[in-house]
Amino acid sequence: MTKIQNASFDKLAQLQRETALYKPQKDSQTPFFKAKKAGFISSDTLCYAAALAISFVAFAVALSPPDQAQTDLTERFCSLVEPSSAESKDVWEKMGEYFSTEEYNCLNGKEFTSDALFKLMGDAGKEKAEGFINMFAKSDVDPNIFDEVKQTPLVKAALQGHTEAAYALLKHPKADPNVLDQWGRSSLWVSAERGHKGPFMAFVKDSRVDPNHKDLQGRTPLMIAASLKYEDFMVALIDNAKIKPNDQDGWGNTALFISAWQGLKEGALAILSHPETDPNIQNKAGETALSIAVRKGHIEIVEALLKHPESNPYLRDIRRMNALEYAVLRKDEEMIQLFRTYPGKM
């Protein structure tokens, strides 16, 4: 046997001896356990002792002084705005519950996050939220500050459906509702995706809001609303003076394409009512909204598209098929009759 092997066996033997010293023996019962087993200590006594210990701890915590740093920071925020009522005073005092010491550095530093700002407004009703905005207007707090994924407080309000916070933040003179997060989504875009009607209506009615911002896949709020079948959102967006109904996503689809696919009659009619809508746009597969509506069998949308004065039902896709030929392929006599009634133009 080599020296290395001898040394290894020696270490193993030593380890086994040391381990044996810590192995519990059969008679290794503590005095407390032996006393309980002998009947000197009852279970009731144990419960009473535990309750007494807990009471002492709670009493000590109650007597402990408040966190002076937290108190100072709350007062620092309170000094920004003179409370006008007992209700508003409660709001300022709440601020101490929302932030860590680091987050309180918002007035002179860069560690204040959009999450922190949103937390500040999270429990506030509309009136209280407006009070917060008055405070921000008199401080150095940037209402457009963003977190690690570039989401501003307005985007946070859209994500969480906080209507009061959205309205209050939009009243801030420096608030920018068009700041995009790292996925290219605006506050309007996010509210449309989440289906939060309160924040959505706040954004869509704001004259500063651009309703045509696209995410990284080229999708606009109008497309998202159509994808999720929020037809009331679509109508509100079409009523926006800045809307561009012909915008296309990364695959060349418009909101009208999506409406035709989903069978959204009200949404399709709203889009077709816009004077700039082009019903003949083709996507990367050469499809039109009409050919899609025909293939999906949405006859009411087919009729609405054929009635459009600029409709051309004879555009061919990459399969060399047009909308009329798809109707014939479906053997849908009612749909074919619509093509006879509204032949469109070539």
Protein backbone atom coordinates (compact mmCIF):
# COMPACT_ATOMS: atom_id res chain seq x y z
CA MET A 1 0.00 0.00 0.00
CA THR A 2 1.43 3.41 -0.96
CA LYS A 3 2.07 6.34 1.38
CA ILE A 4 -0.79 8.27 -0.19
CA GLN A 5 -3.21 5.42 0.50
CA ASN A 6 -1.93 5.09 4.10
CA ALA A 7 -2.48 8.82 4.64
CA SER A 8 -6.01 8.60 3.24
CA PHE A 9 -6.90 5.69 5.53
CA ASP A 10 -5.47 7.55 8.53
CA LYS A 11 -7.62 10.61 7.77
CA LEU A 12 -10.72 8.43 7.32
CA ALA A 13 -10.12 6.70 10.66
CA GLN A 14 -9.64 10.04 12.40
CA LEU A 15 -12.86 11.39 10.86
CA GLN A 16 -14.79 8.35 12.04
CA ARG A 17 -13.46 8.77 15.58
CA GLU A 18 -14.40 12.46 15.65
CA THR A 19 -17.86 11.72 14.29
CA ALA A 20 -18.45 9.07 16.93
CA LEU A 21 -17.91 11.67 19.65
CA TYR A 22 -21.00 13.59 18.45
CA LYS A 23 -23.33 10.66 17.97
CA PRO A 24 -26.27 10.81 20.42
CA GLN A 25 -26.15 8.03 23.00
CA LYS A 26 -29.18 6.08 24.12
CA ASP A 27 -29.09 7.75 27.53
CA SER A 28 -28.49 11.26 26.23
CA GLN A 29 -31.77 12.70 27.57
CA THR A 30 -31.66 16.26 28.86
CA PRO A 31 -32.53 16.99 32.51
CA PHE A 32 -35.61 18.87 31.29
CA PHE A 33 -36.81 15.83 29.33
CA LYS A 34 -36.17 13.51 32.31
CA ALA A 35 -38.09 15.85 34.62
CA LYS A 36 -41.06 15.94 32.24
CA LYS A 37 -40.98 12.14 31.92
CA ALA A 38 -40.94 11.78 35.71
CA GLY A 39 -44.05 13.94 35.99
CA PHE A 40 -42.47 17.01 37.60
CA ILE A 41 -43.40 19.22 34.60
CA SER A 42 -46.85 18.99 32.97
CA SER A 43 -47.94 19.97 29.47
CA ASP A 44 -50.05 22.80 30.94
CA THR A 45 -46.97 24.20 32.59
CA LEU A 46 -45.12 24.17 29.25
CA CYS A 47 -47.97 26.05 27.50
CA TYR A 48 -48.11 28.63 30.27
CA ALA A 49 -44.36 29.22 30.07
CA ALA A 50 -44.48 29.64 26.28
CA ALA A 51 -47.38 32.12 26.51
CA LEU A 52 -45.56 34.10 29.19
CA ALA A 53 -42.44 34.32 27.02
CA ILE A 54 -44.45 35.56 24.02
CA SER A 55 -46.15 38.20 26.19
CA PHE A 56 -42.79 39.52 27.36
CA VAL A 57 -41.56 39.81 23.75
CA ALA A 58 -44.71 41.65 22.61
CA PHE A 59 -44.48 44.03 25.58
CA ALA A 60 -40.86 44.81 24.75
CA VAL A 61 -41.71 45.54 21.11
CA ALA A 62 -44.58 47.84 22.13
CA LEU A 63 -42.28 49.87 24.36
CA SER A 64 -39.55 50.19 21.72
CA PRO A 65 -39.20 53.73 20.31
CA PRO A 66 -40.36 54.39 16.70
CA ASP A 67 -37.82 54.39 13.91
CA GLN A 68 -36.50 57.94 14.09
CA ALA A 69 -35.18 57.80 10.52
CA GLN A 70 -38.62 56.83 9.24
CA THR A 71 -40.25 59.65 11.23
CA ASP A 72 -37.75 62.22 9.95
CA LEU A 73 -38.27 61.14 6.36
CA THR A 74 -42.06 61.38 6.66
CA GLU A 75 -41.74 64.90 8.08
CA ARG A 76 -39.40 65.77 5.24
CA PHE A 77 -42.07 64.84 2.72
CA CYS A 78 -44.81 66.53 4.73
CA SER A 79 -42.86 69.79 4.61
CA LEU A 80 -43.24 69.92 0.82
CA VAL A 81 -46.92 70.73 0.98
CA GLU A 82 -48.91 72.41 3.70
CA PRO A 83 -51.77 70.02 4.59
CA SER A 84 -55.08 71.76 3.99
CA SER A 85 -57.22 69.34 5.93
CA ALA A 86 -57.08 66.40 8.30
CA GLU A 87 -57.71 64.11 5.35
CA SER A 88 -54.70 65.37 3.40
CA LYS A 89 -52.57 65.13 6.54
CA ASP A 90 -53.36 61.42 6.67
CA VAL A 91 -52.09 61.13 3.10
CA TRP A 92 -48.73 62.70 3.93
CA GLU A 93 -48.33 60.47 6.97
CA LYS A 94 -49.00 57.40 4.84
CA MET A 95 -45.90 58.09 2.84
CA GLY A 96 -43.75 56.69 5.59
CA GLU A 97 -45.36 53.30 5.06
CA TYR A 98 -44.56 53.11 1.36
CA PHE A 99 -40.86 53.73 1.03
CA SER A 100 -37.55 52.46 2.21
CA THR A 101 -34.93 54.97 3.31
CA GLU A 102 -33.16 54.66 -0.04
CA GLU A 103 -36.34 55.39 -1.97
CA TYR A 104 -36.85 58.58 0.00
CA ASN A 105 -33.81 59.97 -1.78
CA CYS A 106 -36.10 60.98 -4.64
CA LEU A 107 -35.82 64.64 -3.81
CA ASN A 108 -32.11 64.84 -4.45
CA GLY A 109 -31.14 61.55 -6.01
CA LYS A 110 -31.66 58.98 -8.64
CA GLU A 111 -32.76 56.00 -6.61
CA PHE A 112 -36.44 56.93 -6.67
CA THR A 113 -38.23 54.43 -8.92
CA SER A 114 -41.53 54.41 -10.78
CA ASP A 115 -42.59 51.51 -8.55
CA ALA A 116 -42.04 53.69 -5.51
CA LEU A 117 -43.98 56.59 -6.99
CA PHE A 118 -46.83 54.30 -7.90
CA LYS A 119 -46.89 52.78 -4.40
CA LEU A 120 -47.24 56.28 -3.04
CA MET A 121 -50.43 56.72 -5.02
CA GLY A 122 -51.58 53.13 -4.78
CA ASP A 123 -54.06 53.47 -1.93
CA ALA A 124 -55.16 56.99 -2.73
CA GLY A 125 -58.60 57.89 -4.02
CA LYS A 126 -58.93 60.44 -6.81
CA GLU A 127 -58.83 63.50 -4.54
CA LYS A 128 -55.85 62.21 -2.59
CA ALA A 129 -54.01 61.27 -5.76
CA GLU A 130 -54.44 64.84 -6.98
CA GLY A 131 -52.95 65.97 -3.69
CA PHE A 132 -49.88 63.86 -4.41
CA ILE A 133 -49.53 65.48 -7.82
CA ASN A 134 -49.63 68.91 -6.20
CA MET A 135 -46.79 67.75 -4.00
CA PHE A 136 -44.76 66.49 -6.96
CA ALA A 137 -45.30 69.74 -8.83
CA LYS A 138 -43.54 71.57 -5.97
CA SER A 139 -40.67 69.11 -5.69
CA ASP A 140 -37.86 67.75 -7.84
CA VAL A 141 -39.59 64.42 -8.38
CA ASP A 142 -39.65 63.45 -12.07
CA PRO A 143 -43.09 61.96 -12.94
CA ASN A 144 -41.50 60.18 -15.92
CA ILE A 145 -38.83 58.32 -13.96
CA PHE A 146 -38.69 54.66 -14.93
CA ASP A 147 -37.64 51.35 -13.40
CA GLU A 148 -35.32 48.65 -14.70
CA VAL A 149 -37.74 47.75 -17.54
CA LYS A 150 -38.30 51.43 -18.42
CA GLN A 151 -41.85 51.55 -17.05
CA THR A 152 -43.00 54.94 -15.82
CA PRO A 153 -45.66 55.53 -13.15
CA LEU A 154 -48.20 56.05 -15.94
CA VAL A 155 -47.40 52.63 -17.39
CA LYS A 156 -47.68 51.17 -13.86
CA ALA A 157 -51.11 52.78 -13.51
CA ALA A 158 -52.12 51.21 -16.84
CA LEU A 159 -50.79 47.80 -15.79
CA GLN A 160 -52.67 47.77 -12.50
CA GLY A 161 -55.85 49.48 -13.67
CA HIS A 162 -55.46 52.43 -11.31
CA THR A 163 -57.82 55.01 -12.85
CA GLU A 164 -57.35 57.70 -10.19
CA ALA A 165 -53.57 57.52 -10.44
CA ALA A 166 -53.73 57.78 -14.24
CA TYR A 167 -55.91 60.90 -14.18
CA ALA A 168 -53.83 62.51 -11.43
CA LEU A 169 -50.50 61.82 -13.13
CA LEU A 170 -51.79 63.16 -16.44
CA LYS A 171 -52.47 66.48 -14.70
CA HIS A 172 -48.79 66.88 -13.88
CA PRO A 173 -47.38 69.49 -16.28
CA LYS A 174 -44.26 67.41 -16.95
CA ALA A 175 -45.95 64.01 -17.32
CA ASP A 176 -45.27 62.35 -20.68
CA PRO A 177 -47.81 59.62 -21.55
CA ASN A 178 -45.82 58.62 -24.64
CA VAL A 179 -42.74 57.24 -22.86
CA LEU A 180 -42.24 53.63 -23.98
CA ASP A 181 -41.05 50.70 -21.87
CA GLN A 182 -38.38 48.28 -23.04
CA TRP A 183 -40.96 46.38 -25.13
CA GLY A 184 -42.02 49.54 -26.96
CA ARG A 185 -45.35 49.84 -25.13
CA SER A 186 -46.92 53.15 -24.13
CA SER A 187 -49.31 53.63 -21.22
CA LEU A 188 -52.24 53.61 -23.71
CA TRP A 189 -50.93 50.41 -25.30
CA VAL A 190 -50.66 48.65 -21.93
CA SER A 191 -54.12 49.73 -20.78
CA ALA A 192 -55.57 48.39 -24.05
CA GLU A 193 -53.77 45.07 -23.61
CA ARG A 194 -54.89 44.68 -19.99
CA GLY A 195 -58.47 45.73 -20.72
CA HIS A 196 -58.41 48.39 -18.00
CA LYS A 197 -61.10 50.74 -19.25
CA GLY A 198 -60.61 53.49 -16.66
CA PRO A 199 -56.94 54.23 -17.43
CA PHE A 200 -57.54 53.53 -21.13
CA MET A 201 -60.20 56.24 -21.40
CA ALA A 202 -57.98 58.65 -19.46
CA PHE A 203 -55.17 58.14 -21.97
CA VAL A 204 -57.20 58.04 -25.18
CA LYS A 205 -58.89 61.35 -24.34
CA ASP A 206 -55.62 63.13 -23.53
CA SER A 207 -54.53 65.37 -26.40
CA ARG A 208 -50.84 64.63 -25.73
CA VAL A 209 -51.23 60.90 -26.25
CA ASP A 210 -50.07 59.36 -29.52
CA PRO A 211 -52.51 56.46 -30.17
CA ASN A 212 -50.29 54.92 -32.86
CA HIS A 213 -47.23 53.81 -30.87
CA LYS A 214 -46.13 50.32 -31.89
CA ASP A 215 -44.53 47.66 -29.72
CA LEU A 216 -41.49 45.69 -30.87
CA GLN A 217 -43.74 43.50 -33.05
CA GLY A 218 -45.26 46.52 -34.76
CA ARG A 219 -48.65 46.27 -33.04
CA THR A 220 -50.62 49.43 -32.23
CA PRO A 221 -53.20 49.84 -29.43
CA LEU A 222 -55.93 49.54 -32.09
CA MET A 223 -54.55 46.17 -33.19
CA ILE A 224 -54.27 44.97 -29.60
CA ALA A 225 -57.86 46.00 -28.84
CA ALA A 226 -59.01 44.08 -31.94
CA SER A 227 -56.95 41.01 -31.01
CA LEU A 228 -58.56 40.93 -27.56
CA LYS A 229 -62.05 41.75 -28.89
CA TYR A 230 -62.38 45.05 -26.99
CA GLU A 231 -64.68 46.69 -29.53
CA ASP A 232 -65.55 49.63 -27.27
CA PHE A 233 -61.83 50.40 -27.08
CA MET A 234 -61.63 50.24 -30.87
CA VAL A 235 -64.49 52.72 -31.27
CA ALA A 236 -62.84 55.11 -28.80
CA LEU A 237 -59.52 54.88 -30.66
CA ILE A 238 -61.12 55.49 -34.07
CA ASP A 239 -62.71 58.64 -32.61
CA ASN A 240 -59.22 59.91 -31.71
CA ALA A 241 -58.18 62.58 -34.20
CA LYS A 242 -54.61 61.24 -34.42
CA ILE A 243 -55.47 57.62 -35.21
CA LYS A 244 -53.89 55.96 -38.24
CA PRO A 245 -56.22 53.07 -39.18
CA ASN A 246 -53.93 51.71 -41.93
CA ASP A 247 -50.85 51.01 -39.78
CA GLN A 248 -49.47 47.50 -40.30
CA ASP A 249 -47.71 45.17 -37.90
CA GLY A 250 -44.63 43.06 -38.60
CA TRP A 251 -46.70 40.64 -40.73
CA GLY A 252 -48.42 43.39 -42.69
CA ASN A 253 -51.75 43.03 -40.92
CA THR A 254 -53.91 46.05 -40.05
CA ALA A 255 -56.52 46.37 -37.30
CA LEU A 256 -59.13 45.78 -40.02
CA PHE A 257 -57.49 42.42 -40.85
CA ILE A 258 -57.70 41.39 -37.21
CA SER A 259 -61.34 42.50 -36.98
CA ALA A 260 -62.15 40.42 -40.08
CA TRP A 261 -60.40 37.38 -38.58
CA GLN A 262 -62.10 37.77 -35.19
CA GLY A 263 -65.55 38.52 -36.62
CA LEU A 264 -65.77 41.92 -34.89
CA LYS A 265 -68.62 43.61 -36.75
CA GLU A 266 -68.76 46.76 -34.59
CA GLY A 267 -64.99 47.14 -34.67
CA ALA A 268 -64.80 46.63 -38.43
CA LEU A 269 -67.60 49.12 -39.06
CA ALA A 270 -65.83 51.68 -36.86
CA ILE A 271 -62.59 51.30 -38.82
CA LEU A 272 -64.39 51.41 -42.18
CA SER A 273 -66.12 54.63 -41.11
CA HIS A 274 -62.77 56.41 -40.88
CA PRO A 275 -62.17 58.47 -44.05
CA GLU A 276 -58.55 57.34 -44.36
CA THR A 277 -59.22 53.59 -44.15
CA ASP A 278 -57.93 51.60 -47.10
CA PRO A 279 -59.83 48.27 -47.37
CA ASN A 280 -57.46 46.91 -50.03
CA ILE A 281 -54.21 46.75 -48.07
CA GLN A 282 -52.49 43.38 -48.46
CA ASN A 283 -50.35 41.66 -45.84
CA LYS A 284 -47.15 39.75 -46.52
CA ALA A 285 -49.20 36.76 -47.66
CA GLY A 286 -51.10 38.93 -50.11
CA GLU A 287 -54.34 38.62 -48.14
CA THR A 288 -56.88 41.43 -47.77
CA ALA A 289 -59.35 41.99 -44.96
CA LEU A 290 -62.08 40.86 -47.37
CA SER A 291 -60.41 37.57 -48.29
CA ILE A 292 -59.86 36.84 -44.60
CA ALA A 293 -63.49 37.60 -43.73
CA VAL A 294 -64.65 35.32 -46.57
CA ARG A 295 -62.43 32.43 -45.48
CA LYS A 296 -63.61 32.79 -41.85
CA GLY A 297 -67.27 32.94 -42.94
CA HIS A 298 -68.03 36.32 -41.29
CA ILE A 299 -70.72 37.34 -43.75
CA GLU A 300 -71.70 40.63 -42.08
CA ILE A 301 -68.12 41.86 -42.29
CA VAL A 302 -67.90 40.63 -45.91
CA GLU A 303 -70.95 42.73 -46.72
CA ALA A 304 -69.55 45.81 -44.93
CA LEU A 305 -66.25 45.50 -46.82
CA LEU A 306 -67.95 44.99 -50.20
CA LYS A 307 -70.09 48.09 -49.59
CA HIS A 308 -67.00 50.25 -49.14
CA PRO A 309 -66.65 52.45 -52.27
CA GLU A 310 -62.95 51.60 -52.67
CA SER A 311 -63.30 47.83 -52.18
CA ASN A 312 -61.53 45.60 -54.70
CA PRO A 313 -62.51 41.91 -54.26
CA TYR A 314 -60.22 40.70 -57.05
CA LEU A 315 -56.79 41.15 -55.43
CA ARG A 316 -54.90 37.85 -55.34
CA ASP A 317 -52.82 36.44 -52.50
CA ILE A 318 -49.70 34.25 -52.70
CA ARG A 319 -51.96 31.27 -53.45
CA ARG A 320 -53.20 33.14 -56.54
CA MET A 321 -56.72 33.26 -55.04
CA ASN A 322 -59.01 36.26 -54.59
CA ALA A 323 -61.93 36.87 -52.21
CA LEU A 324 -64.60 35.86 -54.75
CA GLU A 325 -62.84 32.59 -55.51
CA TYR A 326 -62.65 31.80 -51.79
CA ALA A 327 -66.43 32.38 -51.55
CA VAL A 328 -66.97 29.97 -54.47
CA LEU A 329 -64.65 27.45 -52.84
CA ARG A 330 -66.77 27.63 -49.66
CA LYS A 331 -69.92 27.00 -51.76
CA ASP A 332 -71.61 29.76 -49.76
CA GLU A 333 -74.48 30.94 -51.99
CA GLU A 334 -75.45 33.83 -49.71
CA MET A 335 -71.91 35.14 -49.76
CA ILE A 336 -71.58 34.69 -53.53
CA GLN A 337 -74.79 36.70 -53.96
CA LEU A 338 -73.18 39.58 -52.05
CA PHE A 339 -70.41 39.68 -54.65
CA ARG A 340 -73.08 39.93 -57.38
CA THR A 341 -74.84 42.75 -55.51
CA TYR A 342 -71.68 44.68 -54.64
CA PRO A 343 -69.17 43.82 -57.38
CA GLY A 344 -66.65 46.40 -56.21
CA LYS A 345 -64.05 47.83 -58.51
CA MET A 346 -60.93 46.41 -60.06
